[in-house]
Amino acid sequence: MTAIDDTSWKASHPGAAPAEVSPAELREAMGHFATGVTVITSVDPSGEPVGTTANAVTSLSLDPPLVLVCFDLQSATLAAIRDHGAFAVNVLGHRQRHLSANFARRGLSAVWDGVTHHRGPTGSPRLDDVIAVIECTVEHALPGGDHEIVIGRVRHVATDGEGATPLLFWRGKYASIDDRLSA
């Protein structure tokens, strides 16, 4: 698939104008796409851990191993990742809603109080008891509207998800896979 800019689209569709979609309409539509829930972690210039809840995360390439994560331009975690050059994708299980809610709060230093973690090989915090951790170094960063797209080269992975059910986000709420469906 090739990218189509407005000029190309207008030339191929004379008399028609591409529809403008409001942020609220896009949020509503994308809410119907179930996603996993992660906490992206790194360290700030003083070595303190930072993190944010994210569901705009995907595998990009197997060879080389790359993942893609999108961050709000105002994100303190994005600023730390730019400086540190590395981050960890902590994949949450359905019993970890509290971590998702905790790291979704902006600007609160107490976000790490009581959160058990350890530093991984890239120096990024790895949350204990998550179902998977994917540690990356920054390969590329690209503009994406009000977000920045960070492409990470996967350096280390760990899974502990045997029998674990992932935490999902769908239509503005947390959800999980029904055990009867996964059997």
C-alpha atoms as a PDB file:
ATOM      1  CA  MET A   1       0.000   0.000   0.000  1.00  0.00           C
ATOM      2  CA  THR A   2       1.343   3.458  -0.833  1.00  0.00           C
ATOM      3  CA  ALA A   3       0.587   6.639   1.023  1.00  0.00           C
ATOM      4  CA  ILE A   4      -1.862   8.997  -0.649  1.00  0.00           C
ATOM      5  CA  ASP A   5      -1.661  12.688   0.124  1.00  0.00           C
ATOM      6  CA  ASP A   6      -4.662  15.031  -0.185  1.00  0.00           C
ATOM      7  CA  THR A   7      -3.422  16.355  -3.544  1.00  0.00           C
ATOM      8  CA  SER A   8      -3.266  12.863  -5.086  1.00  0.00           C
ATOM      9  CA  TRP A   9      -6.631  11.919  -3.622  1.00  0.00           C
ATOM     10  CA  LYS A  10      -8.326  15.077  -4.920  1.00  0.00           C
ATOM     11  CA  ALA A  11      -6.828  14.568  -8.396  1.00  0.00           C
ATOM     12  CA  SER A  12      -8.184  11.030  -8.590  1.00  0.00           C
ATOM     13  CA  HIS A  13     -11.605  11.994  -7.168  1.00  0.00           C
ATOM     14  CA  PRO A  14     -12.642  15.205  -8.973  1.00  0.00           C
ATOM     15  CA  GLY A  15     -15.448  17.103  -7.287  1.00  0.00           C
ATOM     16  CA  ALA A  16     -15.132  15.140  -4.048  1.00  0.00           C
ATOM     17  CA  ALA A  17     -13.477  16.280  -0.873  1.00  0.00           C
ATOM     18  CA  PRO A  18     -11.986  13.950   1.714  1.00  0.00           C
ATOM     19  CA  ALA A  19     -14.113  13.955   4.845  1.00  0.00           C
ATOM     20  CA  GLU A  20     -12.747  15.542   7.978  1.00  0.00           C
ATOM     21  CA  VAL A  21     -13.099  13.355  11.047  1.00  0.00           C
ATOM     22  CA  SER A  22     -13.127  14.898  14.510  1.00  0.00           C
ATOM     23  CA  PRO A  23     -10.877  13.583  17.281  1.00  0.00           C
ATOM     24  CA  ALA A  24     -13.990  12.390  19.146  1.00  0.00           C
ATOM     25  CA  GLU A  25     -15.248  10.468  16.095  1.00  0.00           C
ATOM     26  CA  LEU A  26     -11.869   8.805  15.592  1.00  0.00           C
ATOM     27  CA  ARG A  27     -11.623   7.911  19.290  1.00  0.00           C
ATOM     28  CA  GLU A  28     -15.111   6.358  19.131  1.00  0.00           C
ATOM     29  CA  ALA A  29     -14.316   4.327  16.009  1.00  0.00           C
ATOM     30  CA  MET A  30     -10.894   3.158  17.238  1.00  0.00           C
ATOM     31  CA  GLY A  31     -12.483   2.172  20.551  1.00  0.00           C
ATOM     32  CA  HIS A  32     -14.085  -0.704  18.667  1.00  0.00           C
ATOM     33  CA  PHE A  33     -10.617  -2.115  17.951  1.00  0.00           C
ATOM     34  CA  ALA A  34      -9.607  -4.239  20.941  1.00  0.00           C
ATOM     35  CA  THR A  35      -5.990  -3.745  21.977  1.00  0.00           C
ATOM     36  CA  GLY A  36      -3.636  -5.122  24.552  1.00  0.00           C
ATOM     37  CA  VAL A  37      -2.502  -2.875  27.393  1.00  0.00           C
ATOM     38  CA  THR A  38       1.126  -2.133  28.174  1.00  0.00           C
ATOM     39  CA  VAL A  39       3.198   0.086  30.407  1.00  0.00           C
ATOM     40  CA  ILE A  40       6.170   1.608  28.599  1.00  0.00           C
ATOM     41  CA  THR A  41       9.069   2.326  30.949  1.00  0.00           C
ATOM     42  CA  SER A  42      12.422   4.080  30.776  1.00  0.00           C
ATOM     43  CA  VAL A  43      14.601   6.233  33.026  1.00  0.00           C
ATOM     44  CA  ASP A  44      14.936  10.008  33.136  1.00  0.00           C
ATOM     45  CA  PRO A  45      18.296  11.862  33.041  1.00  0.00           C
ATOM     46  CA  SER A  46      18.653  11.542  36.819  1.00  0.00           C
ATOM     47  CA  GLY A  47      18.142   7.762  36.607  1.00  0.00           C
ATOM     48  CA  GLU A  48      14.626   7.806  38.066  1.00  0.00           C
ATOM     49  CA  PRO A  49      12.096   5.417  36.525  1.00  0.00           C
ATOM     50  CA  VAL A  50       9.303   6.805  34.329  1.00  0.00           C
ATOM     51  CA  GLY A  51       6.388   5.052  32.691  1.00  0.00           C
ATOM     52  CA  THR A  52       3.132   5.475  30.861  1.00  0.00           C
ATOM     53  CA  THR A  53       0.216   3.248  29.921  1.00  0.00           C
ATOM     54  CA  ALA A  54       0.021   2.641  26.176  1.00  0.00           C
ATOM     55  CA  ASN A  55      -2.064   0.588  23.813  1.00  0.00           C
ATOM     56  CA  ALA A  56      -0.660   2.059  20.576  1.00  0.00           C
ATOM     57  CA  VAL A  57       1.977  -0.676  20.440  1.00  0.00           C
ATOM     58  CA  THR A  58       2.593  -3.236  17.710  1.00  0.00           C
ATOM     59  CA  SER A  59       5.131  -5.609  16.270  1.00  0.00           C
ATOM     60  CA  LEU A  60       6.626  -3.991  13.181  1.00  0.00           C
ATOM     61  CA  SER A  61       9.213  -6.459  11.844  1.00  0.00           C
ATOM     62  CA  LEU A  62      10.623  -9.848  12.723  1.00  0.00           C
ATOM     63  CA  ASP A  63      13.870  -9.390  10.787  1.00  0.00           C
ATOM     64  CA  PRO A  64      15.201  -7.136  12.140  1.00  0.00           C
ATOM     65  CA  PRO A  65      13.105  -7.405  15.316  1.00  0.00           C
ATOM     66  CA  LEU A  66      11.270  -4.069  15.638  1.00  0.00           C
ATOM     67  CA  VAL A  67       8.289  -2.763  17.583  1.00  0.00           C
ATOM     68  CA  LEU A  68       6.392   0.495  17.155  1.00  0.00           C
ATOM     69  CA  VAL A  69       5.075   2.607  20.045  1.00  0.00           C
ATOM     70  CA  CYS A  70       3.213   5.940  19.825  1.00  0.00           C
ATOM     71  CA  PHE A  71       3.582   8.630  22.510  1.00  0.00           C
ATOM     72  CA  ASP A  72       1.784  11.917  23.118  1.00  0.00           C
ATOM     73  CA  LEU A  73       4.231  14.730  22.357  1.00  0.00           C
ATOM     74  CA  GLN A  74       3.855  16.026  25.940  1.00  0.00           C
ATOM     75  CA  SER A  75       4.728  12.654  27.494  1.00  0.00           C
ATOM     76  CA  ALA A  76       7.442  12.698  30.152  1.00  0.00           C
ATOM     77  CA  THR A  77       8.159   9.086  29.224  1.00  0.00           C
ATOM     78  CA  LEU A  78       8.808  10.110  25.606  1.00  0.00           C
ATOM     79  CA  ALA A  79      11.256  12.778  26.815  1.00  0.00           C
ATOM     80  CA  ALA A  80      13.061  10.178  28.944  1.00  0.00           C
ATOM     81  CA  ILE A  81      13.211   7.690  26.067  1.00  0.00           C
ATOM     82  CA  ARG A  82      14.719  10.346  23.793  1.00  0.00           C
ATOM     83  CA  ASP A  83      17.430  10.942  26.404  1.00  0.00           C
ATOM     84  CA  HIS A  84      18.005   7.335  27.534  1.00  0.00           C
ATOM     85  CA  GLY A  85      17.705   5.787  24.072  1.00  0.00           C
ATOM     86  CA  ALA A  86      15.961   2.691  25.398  1.00  0.00           C
ATOM     87  CA  PHE A  87      12.619   1.526  26.784  1.00  0.00           C
ATOM     88  CA  ALA A  88      10.733  -1.563  27.924  1.00  0.00           C
ATOM     89  CA  VAL A  89       7.268  -2.653  26.819  1.00  0.00           C
ATOM     90  CA  ASN A  90       5.633  -4.345  29.819  1.00  0.00           C
ATOM     91  CA  VAL A  91       2.610  -6.381  28.661  1.00  0.00           C
ATOM     92  CA  LEU A  92      -0.102  -6.471  31.326  1.00  0.00           C
ATOM     93  CA  GLY A  93      -2.270  -9.417  32.321  1.00  0.00           C
ATOM     94  CA  HIS A  94      -5.954  -9.074  33.201  1.00  0.00           C
ATOM     95  CA  ARG A  95      -5.127  -8.981  36.922  1.00  0.00           C
ATOM     96  CA  GLN A  96      -2.990  -5.842  36.440  1.00  0.00           C
ATOM     97  CA  ARG A  97      -5.644  -3.199  35.753  1.00  0.00           C
ATOM     98  CA  HIS A  98      -4.306  -1.284  38.740  1.00  0.00           C
ATOM     99  CA  LEU A  99      -0.942  -0.845  36.959  1.00  0.00           C
ATOM    100  CA  SER A 100      -2.658   0.428  33.828  1.00  0.00           C
ATOM    101  CA  ALA A 101      -4.667   2.982  35.817  1.00  0.00           C
ATOM    102  CA  ASN A 102      -1.619   3.937  37.891  1.00  0.00           C
ATOM    103  CA  PHE A 103       0.610   4.695  34.906  1.00  0.00           C
ATOM    104  CA  ALA A 104      -2.177   6.478  33.004  1.00  0.00           C
ATOM    105  CA  ARG A 105      -1.981   9.366  35.512  1.00  0.00           C
ATOM    106  CA  ARG A 106       0.048  12.362  34.351  1.00  0.00           C
ATOM    107  CA  GLY A 107       2.818  14.045  36.285  1.00  0.00           C
ATOM    108  CA  LEU A 108       2.571  12.151  39.538  1.00  0.00           C
ATOM    109  CA  SER A 109       5.902  11.132  41.024  1.00  0.00           C
ATOM    110  CA  ALA A 110       4.119   8.763  43.426  1.00  0.00           C
ATOM    111  CA  VAL A 111       3.231   6.560  40.448  1.00  0.00           C
ATOM    112  CA  TRP A 112       6.141   4.231  41.340  1.00  0.00           C
ATOM    113  CA  ASP A 113       5.236   3.893  45.045  1.00  0.00           C
ATOM    114  CA  GLY A 114       4.617   0.202  45.718  1.00  0.00           C
ATOM    115  CA  VAL A 115       5.336  -0.869  42.125  1.00  0.00           C
ATOM    116  CA  THR A 116       7.828  -3.721  42.205  1.00  0.00           C
ATOM    117  CA  HIS A 117      10.321  -3.670  39.372  1.00  0.00           C
ATOM    118  CA  HIS A 118      13.942  -4.216  38.466  1.00  0.00           C
ATOM    119  CA  ARG A 119      16.286  -2.868  35.801  1.00  0.00           C
ATOM    120  CA  GLY A 120      16.660  -4.920  32.663  1.00  0.00           C
ATOM    121  CA  PRO A 121      19.688  -5.191  30.367  1.00  0.00           C
ATOM    122  CA  THR A 122      18.935  -1.822  28.691  1.00  0.00           C
ATOM    123  CA  GLY A 123      18.632  -0.116  32.081  1.00  0.00           C
ATOM    124  CA  SER A 124      14.881   0.308  31.625  1.00  0.00           C
ATOM    125  CA  PRO A 125      12.540  -0.761  34.432  1.00  0.00           C
ATOM    126  CA  ARG A 126      10.877  -4.143  34.046  1.00  0.00           C
ATOM    127  CA  LEU A 127       7.656  -4.451  36.022  1.00  0.00           C
ATOM    128  CA  ASP A 128       7.482  -7.622  38.094  1.00  0.00           C
ATOM    129  CA  ASP A 129       4.849 -10.257  37.309  1.00  0.00           C
ATOM    130  CA  VAL A 130       3.802  -8.922  33.884  1.00  0.00           C
ATOM    131  CA  ILE A 131       3.060 -11.502  31.191  1.00  0.00           C
ATOM    132  CA  ALA A 132       5.823 -10.321  28.854  1.00  0.00           C
ATOM    133  CA  VAL A 133       8.587  -7.712  28.644  1.00  0.00           C
ATOM    134  CA  ILE A 134      10.136  -6.478  25.417  1.00  0.00           C
ATOM    135  CA  GLU A 135      13.237  -4.320  25.886  1.00  0.00           C
ATOM    136  CA  CYS A 136      14.276  -2.059  23.032  1.00  0.00           C
ATOM    137  CA  THR A 137      16.768   0.552  21.981  1.00  0.00           C
ATOM    138  CA  VAL A 138      15.502   3.438  19.867  1.00  0.00           C
ATOM    139  CA  GLU A 139      15.985   2.755  16.167  1.00  0.00           C
ATOM    140  CA  HIS A 140      13.930   5.647  14.686  1.00  0.00           C
ATOM    141  CA  ALA A 141      11.510   8.364  15.762  1.00  0.00           C
ATOM    142  CA  LEU A 142       8.965   9.843  13.370  1.00  0.00           C
ATOM    143  CA  PRO A 143       6.367  12.605  13.639  1.00  0.00           C
ATOM    144  CA  GLY A 144       2.757  11.442  13.875  1.00  0.00           C
ATOM    145  CA  GLY A 145       0.438  14.410  14.379  1.00  0.00           C
ATOM    146  CA  ASP A 146       0.031  15.047  18.094  1.00  0.00           C
ATOM    147  CA  HIS A 147       2.120  11.929  18.792  1.00  0.00           C
ATOM    148  CA  GLU A 148       5.624  10.709  18.080  1.00  0.00           C
ATOM    149  CA  ILE A 149       6.138   7.252  16.621  1.00  0.00           C
ATOM    150  CA  VAL A 150       9.096   5.477  18.198  1.00  0.00           C
ATOM    151  CA  ILE A 151      10.473   2.389  16.510  1.00  0.00           C
ATOM    152  CA  GLY A 152      12.474   0.218  18.858  1.00  0.00           C
ATOM    153  CA  ARG A 153      14.930  -2.537  18.013  1.00  0.00           C
ATOM    154  CA  VAL A 154      14.158  -5.446  20.286  1.00  0.00           C
ATOM    155  CA  ARG A 155      17.191  -6.373  22.400  1.00  0.00           C
ATOM    156  CA  HIS A 156      15.715  -8.667  25.065  1.00  0.00           C
ATOM    157  CA  VAL A 157      12.414 -10.453  25.644  1.00  0.00           C
ATOM    158  CA  ALA A 158      10.975 -12.359  28.571  1.00  0.00           C
ATOM    159  CA  THR A 159       7.632 -14.087  28.878  1.00  0.00           C
ATOM    160  CA  ASP A 160       5.871 -15.417  31.923  1.00  0.00           C
ATOM    161  CA  GLY A 161       2.461 -15.733  30.420  1.00  0.00           C
ATOM    162  CA  GLU A 162       1.877 -19.464  30.602  1.00  0.00           C
ATOM    163  CA  GLY A 163      -1.829 -19.637  31.367  1.00  0.00           C
ATOM    164  CA  ALA A 164      -2.061 -15.856  31.804  1.00  0.00           C
ATOM    165  CA  THR A 165      -4.934 -13.904  30.301  1.00  0.00           C
ATOM    166  CA  PRO A 166      -4.037 -10.544  28.709  1.00  0.00           C
ATOM    167  CA  LEU A 167      -5.555  -7.259  29.774  1.00  0.00           C
ATOM    168  CA  LEU A 168      -7.517  -5.788  26.876  1.00  0.00           C
ATOM    169  CA  PHE A 169      -8.997  -2.366  26.226  1.00  0.00           C
ATOM    170  CA  TRP A 170     -12.194  -2.199  24.150  1.00  0.00           C
ATOM    171  CA  ARG A 171     -14.825   0.511  23.739  1.00  0.00           C
ATOM    172  CA  GLY A 172     -13.368   2.622  26.533  1.00  0.00           C
ATOM    173  CA  LYS A 173     -13.273  -0.189  29.104  1.00  0.00           C
ATOM    174  CA  TYR A 174     -11.036  -2.991  30.244  1.00  0.00           C
ATOM    175  CA  ALA A 175     -11.930  -6.433  28.958  1.00  0.00           C
ATOM    176  CA  SER A 176     -10.472  -9.934  29.040  1.00  0.00           C
ATOM    177  CA  ILE A 177     -10.690 -13.007  26.903  1.00  0.00           C
ATOM    178  CA  ASP A 178     -13.391 -15.385  28.048  1.00  0.00           C
ATOM    179  CA  ASP A 179     -11.706 -18.636  29.078  1.00  0.00           C
ATOM    180  CA  ARG A 180     -14.350 -20.619  27.168  1.00  0.00           C
ATOM    181  CA  LEU A 181     -13.302 -18.887  23.938  1.00  0.00           C
ATOM    182  CA  SER A 182      -9.575 -19.515  24.390  1.00  0.00           C
ATOM    183  CA  ALA A 183      -9.927 -23.265  25.055  1.00  0.00           C
END
